[in-house]
Protein backbone atom coordinates (compact mmCIF):
# COMPACT_ATOMS: atom_id res chain seq x y z
CA GLN A 1 56.67 -64.55 118.02
CA TYR A 2 53.10 -64.01 116.87
CA PRO A 3 51.78 -67.57 117.37
CA HIS A 4 49.30 -68.91 114.85
CA PRO A 5 45.63 -69.47 115.78
CA GLU A 6 46.26 -73.16 115.09
CA ASN A 7 48.13 -73.22 118.43
CA LEU A 8 44.68 -72.85 120.03
CA GLY A 9 43.25 -75.56 117.80
CA ILE A 10 41.35 -73.30 115.41
CA THR A 11 41.63 -72.53 111.72
CA LEU A 12 40.10 -69.26 110.56
CA GLU A 13 38.19 -68.65 107.32
CA THR A 14 40.30 -67.20 104.52
CA ASP A 15 37.87 -64.46 103.46
CA THR A 16 36.39 -63.57 106.85
CA ASN A 17 39.49 -63.76 109.01
CA ASN A 18 37.71 -63.73 112.36
CA VAL A 19 35.33 -66.63 111.65
CA VAL A 20 36.29 -70.10 112.86
CA ARG A 21 36.43 -72.56 109.96
CA GLN A 22 37.60 -75.61 111.89
CA VAL A 23 38.16 -76.68 115.50
CA GLN A 24 40.71 -79.40 116.15
CA PRO A 25 39.27 -82.17 118.38
CA GLY A 26 40.86 -82.24 121.83
CA SER A 27 42.36 -78.76 121.42
CA PRO A 28 42.03 -75.88 123.89
CA ALA A 29 39.42 -74.35 121.54
CA ALA A 30 37.39 -77.57 121.50
CA THR A 31 37.60 -77.87 125.28
CA ALA A 32 36.33 -74.27 125.60
CA GLY A 33 33.35 -75.09 123.35
CA LEU A 34 34.27 -73.15 120.21
CA ARG A 35 32.54 -74.30 117.03
CA PRO A 36 32.95 -73.72 113.30
CA GLY A 37 31.09 -70.53 112.36
CA ASP A 38 31.86 -68.78 115.65
CA VAL A 39 33.02 -65.19 115.20
CA LEU A 40 35.97 -64.06 117.29
CA ARG A 41 35.28 -60.56 118.57
CA ARG A 42 38.09 -60.01 121.07
CA ALA A 43 41.19 -61.76 122.42
CA GLU A 44 41.85 -60.34 125.86
CA THR A 45 41.34 -56.60 125.15
CA THR A 46 42.39 -56.73 121.47
CA PRO A 47 39.56 -56.52 118.89
CA VAL A 48 39.86 -59.40 116.41
CA ILE A 49 39.11 -58.46 112.82
CA THR A 50 41.85 -60.53 111.18
CA GLY A 51 43.98 -63.51 112.06
CA ALA A 52 46.88 -61.08 112.53
CA ASP A 53 44.92 -59.38 115.34
CA LEU A 54 44.58 -62.72 117.10
CA GLN A 55 48.28 -63.44 116.60
CA PHE A 56 49.13 -60.01 118.03
CA ALA A 57 47.06 -60.72 121.16
CA LEU A 58 48.56 -64.21 121.55
CA ASN A 59 52.08 -62.79 121.35
CA ASP A 60 51.82 -61.43 124.91
CA ILE A 61 50.44 -64.68 126.40
CA PRO A 62 53.09 -66.82 128.12
CA ASP A 63 53.51 -70.47 127.15
CA PRO A 64 51.83 -72.16 128.90
CA GLY A 65 49.20 -69.54 129.51
CA LYS A 66 45.55 -68.59 129.19
CA VAL A 67 43.73 -66.34 126.76
CA LYS A 68 40.22 -64.95 127.17
CA LEU A 69 38.16 -64.82 123.97
CA THR A 70 34.92 -63.01 123.31
CA VAL A 71 32.92 -64.94 120.72
CA ALA A 72 29.62 -64.49 118.88
CA ARG A 73 27.48 -67.35 117.62
CA GLY A 74 24.41 -66.88 115.48
CA GLY A 75 24.72 -63.11 115.82
CA LYS A 76 24.65 -63.20 119.64
CA GLU A 77 27.65 -62.58 121.86
CA LEU A 78 28.41 -65.49 124.16
CA PRO A 79 29.95 -65.30 127.62
CA ALA A 80 33.73 -64.99 127.34
CA VAL A 81 35.68 -68.25 127.26
CA THR A 82 39.16 -68.87 128.56
CA LEU A 83 41.49 -71.19 126.70
CA ASP A 84 44.44 -72.82 128.40
């Protein structure tokens, strides 16, 4: 229940819980092109403000499954990415 963001290969910042601090090489997040400093805006249709929001959205994704993330980089929203 409520899988951790680390399952996607990302670690979130402690203070700003929707900012990527680290991307694990070879992970689904790395394959999708996520980078440290990216801001997670949405996971599927769930707004991401905290890591708990991301966990809530991941809870409904089957394993194995796919999740669509909306991400901003440098203040600009990027096209949505899908992580396997």
